[in-house]
Amino acid sequence: MKGLEPTIDRSLYQNRKDFPTAVVYEITTQQNGLPFGVAMADIRVVEPHFHKVTVETYTIVQGDLEVSLDSEQHVLHPGDVIKISPGIVHSARSLDERSARITITTIPEFSPEDYYLAE
């Protein structure tokens, strides 16, 4: 996956997670003990999934992103924001050959235990 410019400097995040179609830069982690989380992500595709507890808010920073919320499509451009409530099956994909860059805030802090793939 080709990275976006400018690159995100290592001093800006605590943890980097590389996936085949996305890179997540965690600004906060569960070890911080905060009741919320903050991350940046470069997304080509995110598979359909949901959270039972976590509320996510995406803000588009670079590129264009199509976000599906329970099969309803939303096309987002830089500056657009979308809130994803618990229980909503959601996925995302960049609308061009490059990744889209977003910020993600979560309440509470993201936990892998609250990530469920949709069937």
PDB file of N, CA and C in Angstrom:
ATOM      1  N   MET A   1       0.858  -1.177   0.000  1.00  0.00           N
ATOM      2  CA  MET A   1       0.000   0.000   0.000  1.00  0.00           C
ATOM      3  C   MET A   1       0.898   1.233   0.000  1.00  0.00           C
ATOM      4  N   LYS A   2       0.731   2.066  -1.001  1.00  0.00           N
ATOM      5  CA  LYS A   2       1.534   3.282  -1.114  1.00  0.00           C
ATOM      6  C   LYS A   2       1.077   4.302  -0.075  1.00  0.00           C
ATOM      7  N   GLY A   3       2.034   4.888   0.655  1.00  0.00           N
ATOM      8  CA  GLY A   3       1.717   5.842   1.700  1.00  0.00           C
ATOM      9  C   GLY A   3       1.352   7.212   1.171  1.00  0.00           C
ATOM     10  N   LEU A   4       0.661   7.959   1.989  1.00  0.00           N
ATOM     11  CA  LEU A   4       0.280   9.327   1.650  1.00  0.00           C
ATOM     12  C   LEU A   4       1.394  10.282   2.025  1.00  0.00           C
ATOM     13  N   GLU A   5       1.364  11.439   1.410  1.00  0.00           N
ATOM     14  CA  GLU A   5       2.294  12.522   1.748  1.00  0.00           C
ATOM     15  C   GLU A   5       1.503  13.634   2.403  1.00  0.00           C
ATOM     16  N   PRO A   6       1.990  14.296   3.403  1.00  0.00           N
ATOM     17  CA  PRO A   6       3.259  13.964   4.034  1.00  0.00           C
ATOM     18  C   PRO A   6       3.124  12.704   4.885  1.00  0.00           C
ATOM     19  N   THR A   7       4.246  12.061   5.132  1.00  0.00           N
ATOM     20  CA  THR A   7       4.232  10.904   6.017  1.00  0.00           C
ATOM     21  C   THR A   7       3.966  11.378   7.443  1.00  0.00           C
ATOM     22  N   ILE A   8       3.455  10.484   8.258  1.00  0.00           N
ATOM     23  CA  ILE A   8       3.163  10.825   9.651  1.00  0.00           C
ATOM     24  C   ILE A   8       4.399  10.500  10.482  1.00  0.00           C
ATOM     25  N   ASP A   9       4.983  11.508  11.066  1.00  0.00           N
ATOM     26  CA  ASP A   9       6.208  11.370  11.840  1.00  0.00           C
ATOM     27  C   ASP A   9       5.994  10.494  13.069  1.00  0.00           C
ATOM     28  N   ARG A  10       6.946   9.658  13.364  1.00  0.00           N
ATOM     29  CA  ARG A  10       6.870   8.728  14.506  1.00  0.00           C
ATOM     30  C   ARG A  10       6.614   9.439  15.838  1.00  0.00           C
ATOM     31  N   SER A  11       7.030  10.669  15.967  1.00  0.00           N
ATOM     32  CA  SER A  11       6.841  11.402  17.221  1.00  0.00           C
ATOM     33  C   SER A  11       5.374  11.766  17.467  1.00  0.00           C
ATOM     34  N   LEU A  12       4.494  11.592  16.461  1.00  0.00           N
ATOM     35  CA  LEU A  12       3.093  11.988  16.586  1.00  0.00           C
ATOM     36  C   LEU A  12       2.183  10.875  17.093  1.00  0.00           C
ATOM     37  N   TYR A  13       2.667   9.652  17.157  1.00  0.00           N
ATOM     38  CA  TYR A  13       1.803   8.547  17.586  1.00  0.00           C
ATOM     39  C   TYR A  13       2.562   7.595  18.501  1.00  0.00           C
ATOM     40  N   GLN A  14       1.779   6.797  19.277  1.00  0.00           N
ATOM     41  CA  GLN A  14       2.366   5.850  20.209  1.00  0.00           C
ATOM     42  C   GLN A  14       2.514   4.453  19.625  1.00  0.00           C
ATOM     43  N   ASN A  15       1.627   4.097  18.699  1.00  0.00           N
ATOM     44  CA  ASN A  15       1.601   2.740  18.178  1.00  0.00           C
ATOM     45  C   ASN A  15       1.123   2.767  16.731  1.00  0.00           C
ATOM     46  N   ARG A  16       1.775   1.983  15.871  1.00  0.00           N
ATOM     47  CA  ARG A  16       1.370   1.880  14.470  1.00  0.00           C
ATOM     48  C   ARG A  16       0.928   0.448  14.204  1.00  0.00           C
ATOM     49  N   LYS A  17      -0.236   0.309  13.565  1.00  0.00           N
ATOM     50  CA  LYS A  17      -0.757  -1.004  13.200  1.00  0.00           C
ATOM     51  C   LYS A  17      -0.886  -1.047  11.683  1.00  0.00           C
ATOM     52  N   ASP A  18      -0.155  -1.976  11.058  1.00  0.00           N
ATOM     53  CA  ASP A  18      -0.186  -2.126   9.610  1.00  0.00           C
ATOM     54  C   ASP A  18      -1.100  -3.287   9.234  1.00  0.00           C
ATOM     55  N   PHE A  19      -2.065  -3.011   8.386  1.00  0.00           N
ATOM     56  CA  PHE A  19      -2.977  -4.005   7.849  1.00  0.00           C
ATOM     57  C   PHE A  19      -2.802  -4.003   6.327  1.00  0.00           C
ATOM     58  N   PRO A  20      -3.263  -5.046   5.623  1.00  0.00           N
ATOM     59  CA  PRO A  20      -3.083  -5.078   4.166  1.00  0.00           C
ATOM     60  C   PRO A  20      -3.682  -3.873   3.432  1.00  0.00           C
ATOM     61  N   THR A  21      -4.796  -3.315   3.933  1.00  0.00           N
ATOM     62  CA  THR A  21      -5.458  -2.217   3.220  1.00  0.00           C
ATOM     63  C   THR A  21      -5.657  -0.972   4.080  1.00  0.00           C
ATOM     64  N   ALA A  22      -4.943  -0.890   5.191  1.00  0.00           N
ATOM     65  CA  ALA A  22      -5.045   0.291   6.062  1.00  0.00           C
ATOM     66  C   ALA A  22      -3.846   0.334   7.011  1.00  0.00           C
ATOM     67  N   VAL A  23      -3.516   1.536   7.434  1.00  0.00           N
ATOM     68  CA  VAL A  23      -2.511   1.741   8.469  1.00  0.00           C
ATOM     69  C   VAL A  23      -3.158   2.621   9.523  1.00  0.00           C
ATOM     70  N   VAL A  24      -3.073   2.202  10.796  1.00  0.00           N
ATOM     71  CA  VAL A  24      -3.645   2.973  11.898  1.00  0.00           C
ATOM     72  C   VAL A  24      -2.509   3.461  12.780  1.00  0.00           C
ATOM     73  N   TYR A  25      -2.529   4.756  13.074  1.00  0.00           N
ATOM     74  CA  TYR A  25      -1.542   5.389  13.944  1.00  0.00           C
ATOM     75  C   TYR A  25      -2.256   5.778  15.234  1.00  0.00           C
ATOM     76  N   GLU A  26      -2.035   5.024  16.303  1.00  0.00           N
ATOM     77  CA  GLU A  26      -2.712   5.305  17.569  1.00  0.00           C
ATOM     78  C   GLU A  26      -1.993   6.438  18.304  1.00  0.00           C
ATOM     79  N   ILE A  27      -2.714   7.503  18.515  1.00  0.00           N
ATOM     80  CA  ILE A  27      -2.173   8.627  19.275  1.00  0.00           C
ATOM     81  C   ILE A  27      -2.307   8.324  20.763  1.00  0.00           C
ATOM     82  N   THR A  28      -3.431   7.725  21.139  1.00  0.00           N
ATOM     83  CA  THR A  28      -3.608   7.237  22.509  1.00  0.00           C
ATOM     84  C   THR A  28      -3.735   5.723  22.435  1.00  0.00           C
ATOM     85  N   THR A  29      -3.426   5.049  23.529  1.00  0.00           N
ATOM     86  CA  THR A  29      -3.580   3.601  23.610  1.00  0.00           C
ATOM     87  C   THR A  29      -4.295   3.257  24.909  1.00  0.00           C
ATOM     88  N   GLN A  30      -4.707   2.004  25.048  1.00  0.00           N
ATOM     89  CA  GLN A  30      -5.404   1.592  26.267  1.00  0.00           C
ATOM     90  C   GLN A  30      -4.552   1.818  27.512  1.00  0.00           C
ATOM     91  N   GLN A  31      -3.244   1.798  27.368  1.00  0.00           N
ATOM     92  CA  GLN A  31      -2.365   2.008  28.516  1.00  0.00           C
ATOM     93  C   GLN A  31      -2.473   3.425  29.082  1.00  0.00           C
ATOM     94  N   ASN A  32      -3.017   4.372  28.299  1.00  0.00           N
ATOM     95  CA  ASN A  32      -3.184   5.733  28.799  1.00  0.00           C
ATOM     96  C   ASN A  32      -4.304   5.838  29.818  1.00  0.00           C
ATOM     97  N   GLY A  33      -5.234   4.872  29.825  1.00  0.00           N
ATOM     98  CA  GLY A  33      -6.336   4.881  30.783  1.00  0.00           C
ATOM     99  C   GLY A  33      -7.358   5.984  30.549  1.00  0.00           C
ATOM    100  N   LEU A  34      -7.421   6.532  29.359  1.00  0.00           N
ATOM    101  CA  LEU A  34      -8.373   7.611  29.057  1.00  0.00           C
ATOM    102  C   LEU A  34      -9.743   7.038  28.704  1.00  0.00           C
ATOM    103  N   PRO A  35     -10.817   7.789  28.923  1.00  0.00           N
ATOM    104  CA  PRO A  35     -12.156   7.308  28.567  1.00  0.00           C
ATOM    105  C   PRO A  35     -12.490   7.526  27.087  1.00  0.00           C
ATOM    106  N   PHE A  36     -11.486   7.852  26.278  1.00  0.00           N
ATOM    107  CA  PHE A  36     -11.669   8.071  24.837  1.00  0.00           C
ATOM    108  C   PHE A  36     -10.373   7.671  24.148  1.00  0.00           C
ATOM    109  N   GLY A  37     -10.434   7.575  22.810  1.00  0.00           N
ATOM    110  CA  GLY A  37      -9.243   7.271  22.037  1.00  0.00           C
ATOM    111  C   GLY A  37      -9.124   8.190  20.848  1.00  0.00           C
ATOM    112  N   VAL A  38      -7.893   8.382  20.374  1.00  0.00           N
ATOM    113  CA  VAL A  38      -7.629   9.208  19.210  1.00  0.00           C
ATOM    114  C   VAL A  38      -6.625   8.461  18.330  1.00  0.00           C
ATOM    115  N   ALA A  39      -6.910   8.424  17.026  1.00  0.00           N
ATOM    116  CA  ALA A  39      -6.001   7.787  16.072  1.00  0.00           C
ATOM    117  C   ALA A  39      -6.104   8.493  14.728  1.00  0.00           C
ATOM    118  N   MET A  40      -5.123   8.240  13.889  1.00  0.00           N
ATOM    119  CA  MET A  40      -5.159   8.631  12.489  1.00  0.00           C
ATOM    120  C   MET A  40      -5.126   7.336  11.697  1.00  0.00           C
ATOM    121  N   ALA A  41      -5.671   7.344  10.492  1.00  0.00           N
ATOM    122  CA  ALA A  41      -5.637   6.136   9.671  1.00  0.00           C
ATOM    123  C   ALA A  41      -5.542   6.507   8.196  1.00  0.00           C
ATOM    124  N   ASP A  42      -4.783   5.708   7.469  1.00  0.00           N
ATOM    125  CA  ASP A  42      -4.720   5.783   6.019  1.00  0.00           C
ATOM    126  C   ASP A  42      -5.471   4.554   5.517  1.00  0.00           C
ATOM    127  N   ILE A  43      -6.592   4.770   4.845  1.00  0.00           N
ATOM    128  CA  ILE A  43      -7.516   3.681   4.511  1.00  0.00           C
ATOM    129  C   ILE A  43      -7.655   3.502   2.999  1.00  0.00           C
ATOM    130  N   ARG A  44      -7.464   2.279   2.548  1.00  0.00           N
ATOM    131  CA  ARG A  44      -7.870   1.877   1.194  1.00  0.00           C
ATOM    132  C   ARG A  44      -9.223   1.189   1.303  1.00  0.00           C
ATOM    133  N   VAL A  45      -9.313   0.185   2.207  1.00  0.00           N
ATOM    134  CA  VAL A  45     -10.555  -0.559   2.419  1.00  0.00           C
ATOM    135  C   VAL A  45     -10.607  -1.016   3.867  1.00  0.00           C
ATOM    136  N   VAL A  46     -11.772  -0.900   4.483  1.00  0.00           N
ATOM    137  CA  VAL A  46     -12.027  -1.458   5.815  1.00  0.00           C
ATOM    138  C   VAL A  46     -13.230  -2.373   5.680  1.00  0.00           C
ATOM    139  N   GLU A  47     -13.069  -3.621   6.095  1.00  0.00           N
ATOM    140  CA  GLU A  47     -14.128  -4.614   5.940  1.00  0.00           C
ATOM    141  C   GLU A  47     -15.318  -4.322   6.852  1.00  0.00           C
ATOM    142  N   PRO A  48     -16.501  -4.812   6.487  1.00  0.00           N
ATOM    143  CA  PRO A  48     -17.696  -4.581   7.313  1.00  0.00           C
ATOM    144  C   PRO A  48     -17.522  -5.175   8.715  1.00  0.00           C
ATOM    145  N   HIS A  49     -17.784  -4.337   9.702  1.00  0.00           N
ATOM    146  CA  HIS A  49     -17.669  -4.748  11.100  1.00  0.00           C
ATOM    147  C   HIS A  49     -18.563  -3.855  11.952  1.00  0.00           C
ATOM    148  N   PHE A  50     -18.638  -4.167  13.233  1.00  0.00           N
ATOM    149  CA  PHE A  50     -19.408  -3.332  14.158  1.00  0.00           C
ATOM    150  C   PHE A  50     -18.779  -3.411  15.540  1.00  0.00           C
ATOM    151  N   HIS A  51     -19.236  -2.515  16.400  1.00  0.00           N
ATOM    152  CA  HIS A  51     -18.801  -2.475  17.800  1.00  0.00           C
ATOM    153  C   HIS A  51     -20.054  -2.514  18.666  1.00  0.00           C
ATOM    154  N   LYS A  52     -20.004  -3.227  19.764  1.00  0.00           N
ATOM    155  CA  LYS A  52     -21.161  -3.287  20.665  1.00  0.00           C
ATOM    156  C   LYS A  52     -21.199  -2.095  21.611  1.00  0.00           C
ATOM    157  N   VAL A  53     -20.035  -1.510  21.912  1.00  0.00           N
ATOM    158  CA  VAL A  53     -19.949  -0.438  22.904  1.00  0.00           C
ATOM    159  C   VAL A  53     -19.393   0.860  22.318  1.00  0.00           C
ATOM    160  N   THR A  54     -18.430   0.773  21.444  1.00  0.00           N
ATOM    161  CA  THR A  54     -17.659   1.928  20.991  1.00  0.00           C
ATOM    162  C   THR A  54     -18.423   2.821  20.014  1.00  0.00           C
ATOM    163  N   VAL A  55     -18.351   4.128  20.250  1.00  0.00           N
ATOM    164  CA  VAL A  55     -18.820   5.158  19.310  1.00  0.00           C
ATOM    165  C   VAL A  55     -17.577   5.663  18.588  1.00  0.00           C
ATOM    166  N   GLU A  56     -17.619   5.681  17.254  1.00  0.00           N
ATOM    167  CA  GLU A  56     -16.502   6.187  16.460  1.00  0.00           C
ATOM    168  C   GLU A  56     -16.932   7.444  15.722  1.00  0.00           C
ATOM    169  N   THR A  57     -16.004   8.379  15.582  1.00  0.00           N
ATOM    170  CA  THR A  57     -16.224   9.567  14.764  1.00  0.00           C
ATOM    171  C   THR A  57     -15.056   9.694  13.803  1.00  0.00           C
ATOM    172  N   TYR A  58     -15.367   9.686  12.508  1.00  0.00           N
ATOM    173  CA  TYR A  58     -14.356   9.845  11.466  1.00  0.00           C
ATOM    174  C   TYR A  58     -14.392  11.282  10.972  1.00  0.00           C
ATOM    175  N   THR A  59     -13.222  11.881  10.814  1.00  0.00           N
ATOM    176  CA  THR A  59     -13.079  13.169  10.142  1.00  0.00           C
ATOM    177  C   THR A  59     -12.129  12.959   8.969  1.00  0.00           C
ATOM    178  N   ILE A  60     -12.573  13.309   7.772  1.00  0.00           N
ATOM    179  CA  ILE A  60     -11.756  13.113   6.580  1.00  0.00           C
ATOM    180  C   ILE A  60     -10.743  14.251   6.484  1.00  0.00           C
ATOM    181  N   VAL A  61      -9.472  13.883   6.304  1.00  0.00           N
ATOM    182  CA  VAL A  61      -8.387  14.855   6.228  1.00  0.00           C
ATOM    183  C   VAL A  61      -7.853  14.990   4.802  1.00  0.00           C
ATOM    184  N   GLN A  62      -7.630  13.841   4.130  1.00  0.00           N
ATOM    185  CA  GLN A  62      -7.125  13.835   2.754  1.00  0.00           C
ATOM    186  C   GLN A  62      -7.866  12.765   1.971  1.00  0.00           C
ATOM    187  N   GLY A  63      -8.146  13.045   0.719  1.00  0.00           N
ATOM    188  CA  GLY A  63      -8.791  12.064  -0.142  1.00  0.00           C
ATOM    189  C   GLY A  63     -10.298  12.048   0.044  1.00  0.00           C
ATOM    190  N   ASP A  64     -10.923  11.107  -0.645  1.00  0.00           N
ATOM    191  CA  ASP A  64     -12.368  10.940  -0.572  1.00  0.00           C
ATOM    192  C   ASP A  64     -12.651   9.516  -0.113  1.00  0.00           C
ATOM    193  N   LEU A  65     -13.630   9.358   0.766  1.00  0.00           N
ATOM    194  CA  LEU A  65     -13.914   8.068   1.381  1.00  0.00           C
ATOM    195  C   LEU A  65     -15.397   7.774   1.300  1.00  0.00           C
ATOM    196  N   GLU A  66     -15.728   6.565   0.859  1.00  0.00           N
ATOM    197  CA  GLU A  66     -17.109   6.108   0.905  1.00  0.00           C
ATOM    198  C   GLU A  66     -17.265   5.265   2.157  1.00  0.00           C
ATOM    199  N   VAL A  67     -18.200   5.656   3.009  1.00  0.00           N
ATOM    200  CA  VAL A  67     -18.468   4.930   4.241  1.00  0.00           C
ATOM    201  C   VAL A  67     -19.868   4.344   4.153  1.00  0.00           C
ATOM    202  N   SER A  68     -19.970   3.068   4.438  1.00  0.00           N
ATOM    203  CA  SER A  68     -21.257   2.381   4.442  1.00  0.00           C
ATOM    204  C   SER A  68     -21.690   2.185   5.890  1.00  0.00           C
ATOM    205  N   LEU A  69     -22.888   2.679   6.218  1.00  0.00           N
ATOM    206  CA  LEU A  69     -23.474   2.489   7.550  1.00  0.00           C
ATOM    207  C   LEU A  69     -24.755   1.680   7.371  1.00  0.00           C
ATOM    208  N   ASP A  70     -24.749   0.428   7.809  1.00  0.00           N
ATOM    209  CA  ASP A  70     -25.898  -0.457   7.600  1.00  0.00           C
ATOM    210  C   ASP A  70     -26.385  -0.389   6.160  1.00  0.00           C
ATOM    211  N   SER A  71     -25.475  -0.479   5.205  1.00  0.00           N
ATOM    212  CA  SER A  71     -25.740  -0.496   3.759  1.00  0.00           C
ATOM    213  C   SER A  71     -26.129   0.867   3.172  1.00  0.00           C
ATOM    214  N   GLU A  72     -26.178   1.915   3.968  1.00  0.00           N
ATOM    215  CA  GLU A  72     -26.425   3.270   3.458  1.00  0.00           C
ATOM    216  C   GLU A  72     -25.077   3.912   3.149  1.00  0.00           C
ATOM    217  N   GLN A  73     -24.894   4.357   1.906  1.00  0.00           N
ATOM    218  CA  GLN A  73     -23.608   4.893   1.462  1.00  0.00           C
ATOM    219  C   GLN A  73     -23.499   6.401   1.722  1.00  0.00           C
ATOM    220  N   HIS A  74     -22.324   6.806   2.207  1.00  0.00           N
ATOM    221  CA  HIS A  74     -22.015   8.220   2.441  1.00  0.00           C
ATOM    222  C   HIS A  74     -20.670   8.516   1.786  1.00  0.00           C
ATOM    223  N   VAL A  75     -20.621   9.507   0.905  1.00  0.00           N
ATOM    224  CA  VAL A  75     -19.370   9.916   0.282  1.00  0.00           C
ATOM    225  C   VAL A  75     -18.853  11.124   1.044  1.00  0.00           C
ATOM    226  N   LEU A  76     -17.637  10.998   1.562  1.00  0.00           N
ATOM    227  CA  LEU A  76     -17.059  12.029   2.421  1.00  0.00           C
ATOM    228  C   LEU A  76     -15.816  12.622   1.774  1.00  0.00           C
ATOM    229  N   HIS A  77     -15.639  13.930   1.970  1.00  0.00           N
ATOM    230  CA  HIS A  77     -14.520  14.685   1.423  1.00  0.00           C
ATOM    231  C   HIS A  77     -13.798  15.380   2.574  1.00  0.00           C
ATOM    232  N   PRO A  78     -12.603  15.928   2.351  1.00  0.00           N
ATOM    233  CA  PRO A  78     -11.874  16.588   3.437  1.00  0.00           C
ATOM    234  C   PRO A  78     -12.755  17.583   4.202  1.00  0.00           C
ATOM    235  N   GLY A  79     -12.726  17.446   5.522  1.00  0.00           N
ATOM    236  CA  GLY A  79     -13.528  18.288   6.408  1.00  0.00           C
ATOM    237  C   GLY A  79     -14.843  17.662   6.824  1.00  0.00           C
ATOM    238  N   ASP A  80     -15.298  16.636   6.109  1.00  0.00           N
ATOM    239  CA  ASP A  80     -16.555  15.965   6.466  1.00  0.00           C
ATOM    240  C   ASP A  80     -16.348  15.072   7.685  1.00  0.00           C
ATOM    241  N   VAL A  81     -17.417  14.934   8.467  1.00  0.00           N
ATOM    242  CA  VAL A  81     -17.393  14.149   9.704  1.00  0.00           C
ATOM    243  C   VAL A  81     -18.580  13.208   9.699  1.00  0.00           C
ATOM    244  N   ILE A  82     -18.361  11.973  10.198  1.00  0.00           N
ATOM    245  CA  ILE A  82     -19.464  11.028  10.329  1.00  0.00           C
ATOM    246  C   ILE A  82     -19.331  10.296  11.662  1.00  0.00           C
ATOM    247  N   LYS A  83     -20.453  10.156  12.354  1.00  0.00           N
ATOM    248  CA  LYS A  83     -20.497   9.465  13.647  1.00  0.00           C
ATOM    249  C   LYS A  83     -21.060   8.064  13.418  1.00  0.00           C
ATOM    250  N   ILE A  84     -20.413   7.072  14.039  1.00  0.00           N
ATOM    251  CA  ILE A  84     -20.828   5.678  13.907  1.00  0.00           C
ATOM    252  C   ILE A  84     -21.192   5.158  15.287  1.00  0.00           C
ATOM    253  N   SER A  85     -22.469   4.888  15.489  1.00  0.00           N
ATOM    254  CA  SER A  85     -22.973   4.440  16.787  1.00  0.00           C
ATOM    255  C   SER A  85     -22.747   2.946  16.983  1.00  0.00           C
ATOM    256  N   PRO A  86     -22.750   2.483  18.231  1.00  0.00           N
ATOM    257  CA  PRO A  86     -22.616   1.047  18.494  1.00  0.00           C
ATOM    258  C   PRO A  86     -23.711   0.261  17.770  1.00  0.00           C
ATOM    259  N   GLY A  87     -23.348  -0.932  17.309  1.00  0.00           N
ATOM    260  CA  GLY A  87     -24.303  -1.808  16.648  1.00  0.00           C
ATOM    261  C   GLY A  87     -24.471  -1.566  15.158  1.00  0.00           C
ATOM    262  N   ILE A  88     -23.933  -0.481  14.634  1.00  0.00           N
ATOM    263  CA  ILE A  88     -24.051  -0.163  13.204  1.00  0.00           C
ATOM    264  C   ILE A  88     -22.941  -0.890  12.437  1.00  0.00           C
ATOM    265  N   VAL A  89     -23.325  -1.722  11.485  1.00  0.00           N
ATOM    266  CA  VAL A  89     -22.331  -2.369  10.632  1.00  0.00           C
ATOM    267  C   VAL A  89     -21.782  -1.311   9.684  1.00  0.00           C
ATOM    268  N   HIS A  90     -20.464  -1.165   9.670  1.00  0.00           N
ATOM    269  CA  HIS A  90     -19.863  -0.137   8.831  1.00  0.00           C
ATOM    270  C   HIS A  90     -18.606  -0.652   8.143  1.00  0.00           C
ATOM    271  N   SER A  91     -18.336  -0.037   6.990  1.00  0.00           N
ATOM    272  CA  SER A  91     -17.137  -0.322   6.217  1.00  0.00           C
ATOM    273  C   SER A  91     -16.748   0.970   5.513  1.00  0.00           C
ATOM    274  N   ALA A  92     -15.566   0.970   4.906  1.00  0.00           N
ATOM    275  CA  ALA A  92     -15.103   2.180   4.223  1.00  0.00           C
ATOM    276  C   ALA A  92     -14.167   1.793   3.095  1.00  0.00           C
ATOM    277  N   ARG A  93     -14.114   2.665   2.066  1.00  0.00           N
ATOM    278  CA  ARG A  93     -13.162   2.462   0.979  1.00  0.00           C
ATOM    279  C   ARG A  93     -12.821   3.812   0.366  1.00  0.00           C
ATOM    280  N   SER A  94     -11.558   3.940   0.009  1.00  0.00           N
ATOM    281  CA  SER A  94     -11.090   5.133  -0.684  1.00  0.00           C
ATOM    282  C   SER A  94     -11.710   5.158  -2.076  1.00  0.00           C
ATOM    283  N   LEU A  95     -11.994   6.353  -2.578  1.00  0.00           N
ATOM    284  CA  LEU A  95     -12.616   6.480  -3.889  1.00  0.00           C
ATOM    285  C   LEU A  95     -11.611   6.693  -5.018  1.00  0.00           C
ATOM    286  N   ASP A  96     -10.330   6.595  -4.737  1.00  0.00           N
ATOM    287  CA  ASP A  96      -9.339   6.610  -5.807  1.00  0.00           C
ATOM    288  C   ASP A  96      -8.238   5.610  -5.487  1.00  0.00           C
ATOM    289  N   GLU A  97      -7.170   5.616  -6.276  1.00  0.00           N
ATOM    290  CA  GLU A  97      -6.125   4.609  -6.117  1.00  0.00           C
ATOM    291  C   GLU A  97      -5.267   4.813  -4.879  1.00  0.00           C
ATOM    292  N   ARG A  98      -5.355   5.962  -4.271  1.00  0.00           N
ATOM    293  CA  ARG A  98      -4.593   6.237  -3.040  1.00  0.00           C
ATOM    294  C   ARG A  98      -5.482   6.048  -1.829  1.00  0.00           C
ATOM    295  N   SER A  99      -4.865   5.912  -0.700  1.00  0.00           N
ATOM    296  CA  SER A  99      -5.614   5.826   0.546  1.00  0.00           C
ATOM    297  C   SER A  99      -6.243   7.169   0.871  1.00  0.00           C
ATOM    298  N   ALA A 100      -7.258   7.142   1.717  1.00  0.00           N
ATOM    299  CA  ALA A 100      -7.826   8.364   2.301  1.00  0.00           C
ATOM    300  C   ALA A 100      -7.297   8.450   3.725  1.00  0.00           C
ATOM    301  N   ARG A 101      -6.970   9.637   4.172  1.00  0.00           N
ATOM    302  CA  ARG A 101      -6.464   9.836   5.539  1.00  0.00           C
ATOM    303  C   ARG A 101      -7.584  10.414   6.381  1.00  0.00           C
ATOM    304  N   ILE A 102      -7.786   9.820   7.563  1.00  0.00           N
ATOM    305  CA  ILE A 102      -8.828  10.281   8.470  1.00  0.00           C
ATOM    306  C   ILE A 102      -8.282  10.368   9.890  1.00  0.00           C
ATOM    307  N   THR A 103      -8.979  11.131  10.718  1.00  0.00           N
ATOM    308  CA  THR A 103      -8.772  11.024  12.161  1.00  0.00           C
ATOM    309  C   THR A 103      -9.966  10.257  12.709  1.00  0.00           C
ATOM    310  N   ILE A 104      -9.720   9.510  13.761  1.00  0.00           N
ATOM    311  CA  ILE A 104     -10.762   8.713  14.400  1.00  0.00           C
ATOM    312  C   ILE A 104     -10.746   9.018  15.890  1.00  0.00           C
ATOM    313  N   THR A 105     -11.893   9.385  16.424  1.00  0.00           N
ATOM    314  CA  THR A 105     -12.028   9.463  17.878  1.00  0.00           C
ATOM    315  C   THR A 105     -13.008   8.370  18.291  1.00  0.00           C
ATOM    316  N   THR A 106     -12.725   7.759  19.422  1.00  0.00           N
ATOM    317  CA  THR A 106     -13.585   6.694  19.927  1.00  0.00           C
ATOM    318  C   THR A 106     -13.947   6.967  21.379  1.00  0.00           C
ATOM    319  N   ILE A 107     -15.174   6.582  21.733  1.00  0.00           N
ATOM    320  CA  ILE A 107     -15.625   6.641  23.124  1.00  0.00           C
ATOM    321  C   ILE A 107     -16.289   5.306  23.408  1.00  0.00           C
ATOM    322  N   PRO A 108     -15.771   4.500  24.314  1.00  0.00           N
ATOM    323  CA  PRO A 108     -14.512   4.653  25.052  1.00  0.00           C
ATOM    324  C   PRO A 108     -13.305   4.382  24.149  1.00  0.00           C
ATOM    325  N   GLU A 109     -12.139   4.306  24.745  1.00  0.00           N
ATOM    326  CA  GLU A 109     -10.917   3.971  24.017  1.00  0.00           C
ATOM    327  C   GLU A 109     -11.128   2.687  23.225  1.00  0.00           C
ATOM    328  N   PHE A 110     -10.624   2.634  21.995  1.00  0.00           N
ATOM    329  CA  PHE A 110     -10.772   1.436  21.164  1.00  0.00           C
ATOM    330  C   PHE A 110     -10.204   0.213  21.870  1.00  0.00           C
ATOM    331  N   SER A 111     -10.929  -0.886  21.756  1.00  0.00           N
ATOM    332  CA  SER A 111     -10.490  -2.166  22.291  1.00  0.00           C
ATOM    333  C   SER A 111     -10.711  -3.242  21.242  1.00  0.00           C
ATOM    334  N   PRO A 112      -9.721  -4.074  20.955  1.00  0.00           N
ATOM    335  CA  PRO A 112      -9.921  -5.168  19.988  1.00  0.00           C
ATOM    336  C   PRO A 112     -11.044  -6.114  20.403  1.00  0.00           C
ATOM    337  N   GLU A 113     -11.340  -6.187  21.671  1.00  0.00           N
ATOM    338  CA  GLU A 113     -12.434  -7.050  22.154  1.00  0.00           C
ATOM    339  C   GLU A 113     -13.800  -6.546  21.729  1.00  0.00           C
ATOM    340  N   ASP A 114     -13.892  -5.295  21.277  1.00  0.00           N
ATOM    341  CA  ASP A 114     -15.167  -4.722  20.836  1.00  0.00           C
ATOM    342  C   ASP A 114     -15.183  -4.539  19.315  1.00  0.00           C
ATOM    343  N   TYR A 115     -14.486  -5.400  18.591  1.00  0.00           N
ATOM    344  CA  TYR A 115     -14.439  -5.368  17.127  1.00  0.00           C
ATOM    345  C   TYR A 115     -14.996  -6.692  16.624  1.00  0.00           C
ATOM    346  N   TYR A 116     -16.117  -6.632  15.908  1.00  0.00           N
ATOM    347  CA  TYR A 116     -16.806  -7.834  15.438  1.00  0.00           C
ATOM    348  C   TYR A 116     -16.989  -7.762  13.925  1.00  0.00           C
ATOM    349  N   LEU A 117     -16.477  -8.755  13.212  1.00  0.00           N
ATOM    350  CA  LEU A 117     -16.684  -8.806  11.777  1.00  0.00           C
ATOM    351  C   LEU A 117     -18.148  -9.093  11.476  1.00  0.00           C
ATOM    352  N   ALA A 118     -18.691  -8.396  10.494  1.00  0.00           N
ATOM    353  CA  ALA A 118     -20.091  -8.619  10.090  1.00  0.00           C
ATOM    354  C   ALA A 118     -20.158  -9.874   9.234  1.00  0.00           C
ATOM    355  N   GLU A 119     -21.260 -10.546   9.290  1.00  0.00           N
ATOM    356  CA  GLU A 119     -21.429 -11.771   8.491  1.00  0.00           C
ATOM    357  C   GLU A 119     -22.088 -11.477   7.172  1.00  0.00           C
TER     358      GLU A 119
END
